[in-house]
Protein backbone atom coordinates (compact mmCIF):
# COMPACT_ATOMS: atom_id res chain seq x y z
CA UNK A 1 0.00 0.00 0.00
CA UNK A 2 1.08 3.60 -0.62
CA UNK A 3 0.82 6.43 1.91
CA UNK A 4 1.65 10.14 1.78
CA UNK A 5 3.57 11.46 4.79
CA UNK A 6 3.76 15.15 5.74
CA UNK A 7 6.91 16.20 7.65
CA UNK A 8 6.45 19.30 9.82
CA UNK A 9 8.62 21.34 12.15
CA UNK A 10 11.75 19.20 11.80
CA UNK A 11 15.38 20.16 11.71
CA UNK A 12 17.15 19.68 8.37
CA UNK A 13 18.96 16.62 9.75
CA UNK A 14 15.82 14.92 11.10
CA UNK A 15 13.83 15.79 7.98
CA UNK A 16 16.49 14.19 5.78
CA UNK A 17 16.79 11.15 8.02
CA UNK A 18 13.04 10.53 7.96
CA UNK A 19 12.93 10.88 4.18
CA UNK A 20 15.78 8.39 3.79
CA UNK A 21 14.10 5.91 6.11
CA UNK A 22 10.72 6.20 4.38
CA UNK A 23 11.84 6.17 0.75
CA UNK A 24 15.01 4.08 0.69
CA UNK A 25 14.63 1.39 3.33
CA UNK A 26 14.82 -2.09 1.76
CA UNK A 27 11.96 -4.55 2.24
CA UNK A 28 9.54 -1.94 3.61
CA UNK A 29 5.95 -3.17 3.93
CA UNK A 30 4.48 0.00 2.45
CA UNK A 31 5.47 2.72 0.00
CA UNK A 32 5.70 6.30 1.25
CA UNK A 33 5.65 9.65 -0.50
CA UNK A 34 7.15 12.49 1.52
CA UNK A 35 5.32 15.85 1.52
CA UNK A 36 6.31 19.24 2.88
CA UNK A 37 4.64 22.65 3.17
CA UNK A 38 1.15 21.40 2.33
CA UNK A 39 -2.01 21.30 4.50
CA UNK A 40 -2.35 18.29 6.78
CA UNK A 41 -5.48 17.30 4.87
CA UNK A 42 -3.22 16.34 1.93
CA UNK A 43 -1.51 13.60 3.91
CA UNK A 44 -2.36 10.15 5.23
CA UNK A 45 0.26 10.44 7.97
CA UNK A 46 1.68 13.54 9.68
CA UNK A 47 5.02 13.34 11.49
CA UNK A 48 5.59 16.44 13.64
CA UNK A 49 8.53 17.53 15.77
CA UNK A 50 6.63 18.40 18.90
CA UNK A 51 9.70 20.13 20.39
CA UNK A 52 9.48 22.91 17.77
CA UNK A 53 6.85 25.70 17.52
CA UNK A 54 6.18 24.78 13.88
CA UNK A 55 5.57 21.19 14.92
CA UNK A 56 3.10 22.27 17.61
CA UNK A 57 1.20 24.36 15.03
CA UNK A 58 1.16 21.45 12.58
CA UNK A 59 -0.15 19.14 15.29
CA UNK A 60 -3.00 21.55 16.07
CA UNK A 61 -3.85 21.83 12.37
CA UNK A 62 -3.80 18.06 11.91
CA UNK A 63 -6.08 17.53 14.89
CA UNK A 64 -8.49 20.25 13.76
CA UNK A 65 -8.74 19.73 10.01
CA UNK A 66 -7.51 16.26 9.14
CA UNK A 67 -8.10 12.58 9.73
CA UNK A 68 -4.43 11.90 9.18
CA UNK A 69 -2.60 9.58 11.51
CA UNK A 70 -0.25 11.69 13.67
CA UNK A 71 3.20 10.66 14.89
CA UNK A 72 4.89 12.92 17.44
CA UNK A 73 8.68 13.18 17.40
CA UNK A 74 10.51 14.53 20.46
CA UNK A 75 13.74 14.20 22.40
CA UNK A 76 12.04 12.16 25.12
CA UNK A 77 9.60 10.23 22.97
CA UNK A 78 6.86 11.06 25.49
CA UNK A 79 5.72 14.51 24.30
CA UNK A 80 2.65 15.17 22.21
CA UNK A 81 -0.86 13.83 21.94
CA UNK A 82 -2.01 10.40 20.89
CA UNK A 83 -0.44 6.96 21.07
CA UNK A 84 2.12 7.24 18.28
CA UNK A 85 5.28 8.81 19.62
CA UNK A 86 8.95 8.28 18.94
CA UNK A 87 12.16 9.67 20.39
CA UNK A 88 14.69 11.37 18.14
CA UNK A 89 17.35 8.71 18.71
CA UNK A 90 15.10 5.96 17.39
CA UNK A 91 14.21 7.34 13.97
CA UNK A 92 16.47 5.01 12.02
CA UNK A 93 15.60 1.88 13.97
CA UNK A 94 11.98 2.31 14.99
CA UNK A 95 10.14 4.61 12.59
CA UNK A 96 9.07 2.04 9.98
CA UNK A 97 8.01 -0.44 12.64
CA UNK A 98 5.99 2.24 14.41
CA UNK A 99 4.23 3.18 11.16
CA UNK A 100 3.55 -0.47 10.34
CA UNK A 101 1.91 -0.93 13.75
CA UNK A 102 -0.10 2.28 13.40
CA UNK A 103 -1.30 1.37 9.89
CA UNK A 104 -2.25 -2.11 11.05
CA UNK A 105 -4.19 -0.66 14.00
CA UNK A 106 -5.98 1.83 11.72
CA UNK A 107 -6.86 -0.95 9.27
CA UNK A 108 -8.45 -2.83 12.14
CA UNK A 109 -10.45 0.24 13.17
CA UNK A 110 -8.31 0.81 16.24
CA UNK A 111 -6.10 3.79 15.38
CA UNK A 112 -5.85 4.89 19.01
CA UNK A 113 -4.28 1.68 20.23
CA UNK A 114 -0.72 2.51 21.25
CA UNK A 115 2.11 0.40 19.85
CA UNK A 116 5.09 -0.81 21.83
CA UNK A 117 7.43 1.79 23.37
CA UNK A 118 9.32 3.49 20.56
CA UNK A 119 11.94 5.32 22.62
CA UNK A 120 14.39 2.66 23.82
CA UNK A 121 16.77 2.32 20.87
CA UNK A 122 20.35 3.69 21.00
CA UNK A 123 21.29 6.81 19.03
CA UNK A 124 22.45 6.62 15.44
CA UNK A 125 25.32 8.78 14.20
CA UNK A 126 26.81 9.75 10.86
CA UNK A 127 29.68 11.84 9.58
CA UNK A 128 29.13 15.53 9.02
CA UNK A 129 29.67 17.06 5.59
CA UNK A 130 31.76 20.26 5.40
CA UNK A 131 30.09 23.47 4.26
CA UNK A 132 31.82 25.85 1.84
CA UNK A 133 30.09 28.69 -0.04
CA UNK A 134 29.69 28.31 -3.81
CA UNK A 135 30.91 30.63 -6.53
CA UNK A 136 29.48 30.89 -10.05
CA UNK A 137 31.62 32.65 -12.68
CA UNK A 138 29.85 33.10 -15.99
CA UNK A 139 31.89 32.21 -19.11
CA UNK A 140 30.69 31.50 -22.66
CA UNK A 141 31.71 28.04 -23.86
CA UNK A 142 30.63 25.49 -26.49
CA UNK A 143 27.54 23.42 -25.78
CA UNK A 144 27.91 20.24 -23.76
CA UNK A 145 25.27 18.69 -26.02
CA UNK A 146 25.75 17.53 -29.57
CA UNK A 147 22.33 19.08 -30.34
CA UNK A 148 20.54 21.61 -28.13
CA UNK A 149 16.90 21.30 -27.01
CA UNK A 150 14.29 23.90 -26.11
CA UNK A 151 13.24 24.14 -22.49
CA UNK A 152 9.70 23.07 -21.62
CA UNK A 153 8.35 24.94 -18.56
CA UNK A 154 7.50 22.72 -15.62
CA UNK A 155 3.90 22.59 -14.43
CA UNK A 156 2.41 22.87 -10.98
CA UNK A 157 2.95 19.94 -8.66
CA UNK A 158 1.48 18.77 -5.38
CA UNK A 159 4.66 16.95 -4.36
CA UNK A 160 8.20 18.19 -3.98
CA UNK A 161 9.65 18.34 -7.49
CA UNK A 162 12.56 16.15 -8.46
CA UNK A 163 15.86 17.84 -7.67
CA UNK A 164 19.19 17.48 -9.44
CA UNK A 165 22.66 18.65 -8.46
CA UNK A 166 24.92 19.73 -11.34
CA UNK A 167 28.62 20.15 -10.52
CA UNK A 168 30.82 21.66 -13.24
CA UNK A 169 33.33 24.51 -13.26
CA UNK A 170 31.88 25.76 -16.56
CA UNK A 171 29.00 28.21 -16.14
CA UNK A 172 27.87 27.45 -19.69
CA UNK A 173 27.65 23.72 -19.02
CA UNK A 174 25.82 24.32 -15.75
CA UNK A 175 23.22 26.41 -17.57
CA UNK A 176 22.83 23.89 -20.40
CA UNK A 177 22.32 21.00 -18.01
CA UNK A 178 19.89 22.96 -15.86
CA UNK A 179 17.82 23.84 -18.93
CA UNK A 180 17.90 20.26 -20.21
CA UNK A 181 16.75 18.88 -16.85
CA UNK A 182 13.94 21.45 -16.72
CA UNK A 183 12.52 19.79 -19.84
CA UNK A 184 11.82 16.64 -17.85
CA UNK A 185 10.46 18.42 -14.79
CA UNK A 186 13.57 18.58 -12.60
CA UNK A 187 14.65 21.54 -10.48
CA UNK A 188 18.43 22.00 -10.48
CA UNK A 189 20.98 23.35 -8.02
CA UNK A 190 24.42 24.09 -9.46
CA UNK A 191 27.94 24.15 -8.03
CA UNK A 192 31.30 24.99 -9.58
CA UNK A 193 33.45 22.83 -7.30
CA UNK A 194 33.33 19.76 -5.09
CA UNK A 195 33.43 21.93 -1.97
CA UNK A 196 30.42 23.95 -3.13
CA UNK A 197 28.59 20.73 -4.04
CA UNK A 198 29.15 19.28 -0.56
CA UNK A 199 27.64 22.42 0.95
CA UNK A 200 24.52 21.96 -1.17
CA UNK A 201 24.33 18.26 -0.33
CA UNK A 202 24.35 19.17 3.35
CA UNK A 203 21.43 21.54 2.89
CA UNK A 204 19.27 19.86 0.26
CA UNK A 205 17.66 16.62 -0.86
CA UNK A 206 18.68 15.47 -4.33
CA UNK A 207 17.37 12.71 -6.60
CA UNK A 208 20.26 12.87 -9.10
CA UNK A 209 23.81 14.24 -9.29
CA UNK A 210 25.68 15.13 -12.50
CA UNK A 211 29.43 15.55 -11.98
CA UNK A 212 32.27 16.79 -14.15
CA UNK A 213 35.70 15.25 -13.54
CA UNK A 214 38.11 18.17 -13.95
CA UNK A 215 37.37 20.88 -11.38
CA UNK A 216 39.37 23.11 -9.04
CA UNK A 217 40.22 21.38 -5.77
CA UNK A 218 38.84 17.86 -5.43
CA UNK A 219 37.97 16.29 -8.78
CA UNK A 220 34.75 14.55 -9.76
CA UNK A 221 36.04 11.11 -8.84
CA UNK A 222 36.81 12.20 -5.29
CA UNK A 223 33.44 13.95 -4.99
CA UNK A 224 31.68 10.82 -6.23
CA UNK A 225 33.48 8.70 -3.63
CA UNK A 226 32.46 11.16 -0.90
CA UNK A 227 28.82 11.00 -1.99
CA UNK A 228 28.81 7.21 -2.12
CA UNK A 229 30.56 6.78 1.25
CA UNK A 230 28.19 9.09 3.14
CA UNK A 231 25.09 7.29 4.55
CA UNK A 232 22.94 10.37 3.87
CA UNK A 233 23.84 10.71 0.20
CA UNK A 234 25.02 7.33 -1.08
CA UNK A 235 21.61 6.50 -2.53
CA UNK A 236 21.75 9.47 -4.93
CA UNK A 237 22.38 8.26 -8.52
CA UNK A 238 25.61 9.82 -9.81
CA UNK A 239 26.19 10.43 -13.53
CA UNK A 240 29.70 11.43 -14.57
CA UNK A 241 29.52 13.80 -17.55
CA UNK A 242 33.03 14.58 -18.75
CA UNK A 243 35.28 15.03 -21.77
CA UNK A 244 37.56 12.24 -20.52
CA UNK A 245 36.70 9.14 -22.50
CA UNK A 246 39.59 6.70 -22.08
CA UNK A 247 38.95 3.20 -20.66
CA UNK A 248 41.15 4.19 -17.71
CA UNK A 249 38.94 7.18 -16.91
CA UNK A 250 35.81 5.08 -17.20
CA UNK A 251 37.34 2.54 -14.82
CA UNK A 252 38.14 5.31 -12.36
CA UNK A 253 34.52 6.43 -12.52
CA UNK A 254 33.29 2.91 -11.84
CA UNK A 255 35.69 2.52 -8.92
CA UNK A 256 34.49 5.82 -7.49
CA UNK A 257 30.95 4.42 -7.53
CA UNK A 258 29.32 6.41 -10.34
CA UNK A 259 26.11 4.92 -11.73
CA UNK A 260 26.60 6.12 -15.32
CA UNK A 261 29.46 7.63 -17.35
CA UNK A 262 28.81 9.93 -20.31
CA UNK A 263 31.37 11.61 -22.56
CA UNK A 264 30.97 15.22 -23.77
CA UNK A 265 29.62 16.22 -26.19
CA UNK A 266 26.73 13.87 -25.52
CA UNK A 267 23.64 13.55 -27.69
CA UNK A 268 20.39 14.63 -26.11
CA UNK A 269 19.02 11.12 -26.65
CA UNK A 270 21.90 9.50 -24.75
CA UNK A 271 21.73 12.08 -21.97
CA UNK A 272 18.01 11.72 -21.33
CA UNK A 273 18.20 7.94 -21.62
CA UNK A 274 20.87 7.83 -18.90
CA UNK A 275 18.89 10.16 -16.63
CA UNK A 276 15.69 8.17 -17.19
CA UNK A 277 17.47 4.90 -16.37
CA UNK A 278 18.89 6.24 -13.12
CA UNK A 279 15.63 7.84 -11.98
CA UNK A 280 13.65 4.66 -12.69
CA UNK A 281 16.19 2.62 -10.75
CA UNK A 282 16.26 5.14 -7.89
CA UNK A 283 12.45 5.07 -7.60
CA UNK A 284 12.26 1.28 -8.11
CA UNK A 285 10.21 1.64 -11.30
CA UNK A 286 7.52 3.55 -9.40
CA UNK A 287 6.22 5.60 -12.34
CA UNK A 288 3.25 6.88 -10.34
CA UNK A 289 5.54 8.52 -7.81
CA UNK A 290 7.88 9.84 -10.50
CA UNK A 291 4.97 11.47 -12.29
CA UNK A 292 3.61 12.85 -9.01
CA UNK A 293 7.02 14.47 -8.48
CA UNK A 294 6.69 16.13 -11.91
CA UNK A 295 8.80 13.84 -14.07
CA UNK A 296 8.20 13.94 -17.83
CA UNK A 297 10.19 11.35 -19.74
CA UNK A 298 11.86 12.92 -22.77
CA UNK A 299 10.38 11.79 -26.09
């Protein structure tokens, strides 16, 4: 079964952790779509951080205007109304089990039956990612594509649109890739170096990363390894898009963990085919969710 889950009042770290648990956990009983900044009536489940003012407001809204199942997140695991509560330390280990129990209780007409204590698991930790501000010099250069395409404006969406991260020290290439991805409904953040990309990865949630190899500072291979070794970001599909085409360079990309390797200039057909393949794999062939997130496969 599929459920929409509204996240409200959370820190960036907790928000990202919950999204990872809900959308990337293997062998989950149910499928979840994560929502943000929408009314509680749009969601089947509302997870609120009851320790934050925004979470308290979201809880009041959910109780007043929605039949959504509410899960209260707090440091203690005891704050908030209702039976479904979880402590912050237990998100990774207990959240899916708590939701499974709550969904089962609701299916049996007993939503208010409290599940087992959800606040006894040990804390989970992960490495921090350094933050460095990005720069964006604008320079005219040849097109990264063998043939250019017109941009198709993206339409309105109920869900968070698909987001891509483009990392290239060429402003022209960054613009070309951003415009190409807009054609298929993706919103793009750009960075001109690995350090700037890591800052964006710390602050955002991405469904795809496109990396150049030759950049100032750390190169694309090193950035790819960093992405794939970080528990928060390793699930992001990484496409290397570079002028380096030797078998040695391709081997280095594979060893770094990239999911696809394209050589500039790349045809639009090959580019969109690679992006489509990685998005379908990332979303486990869930076309309904991809379309809900605004994806339009390129003809």
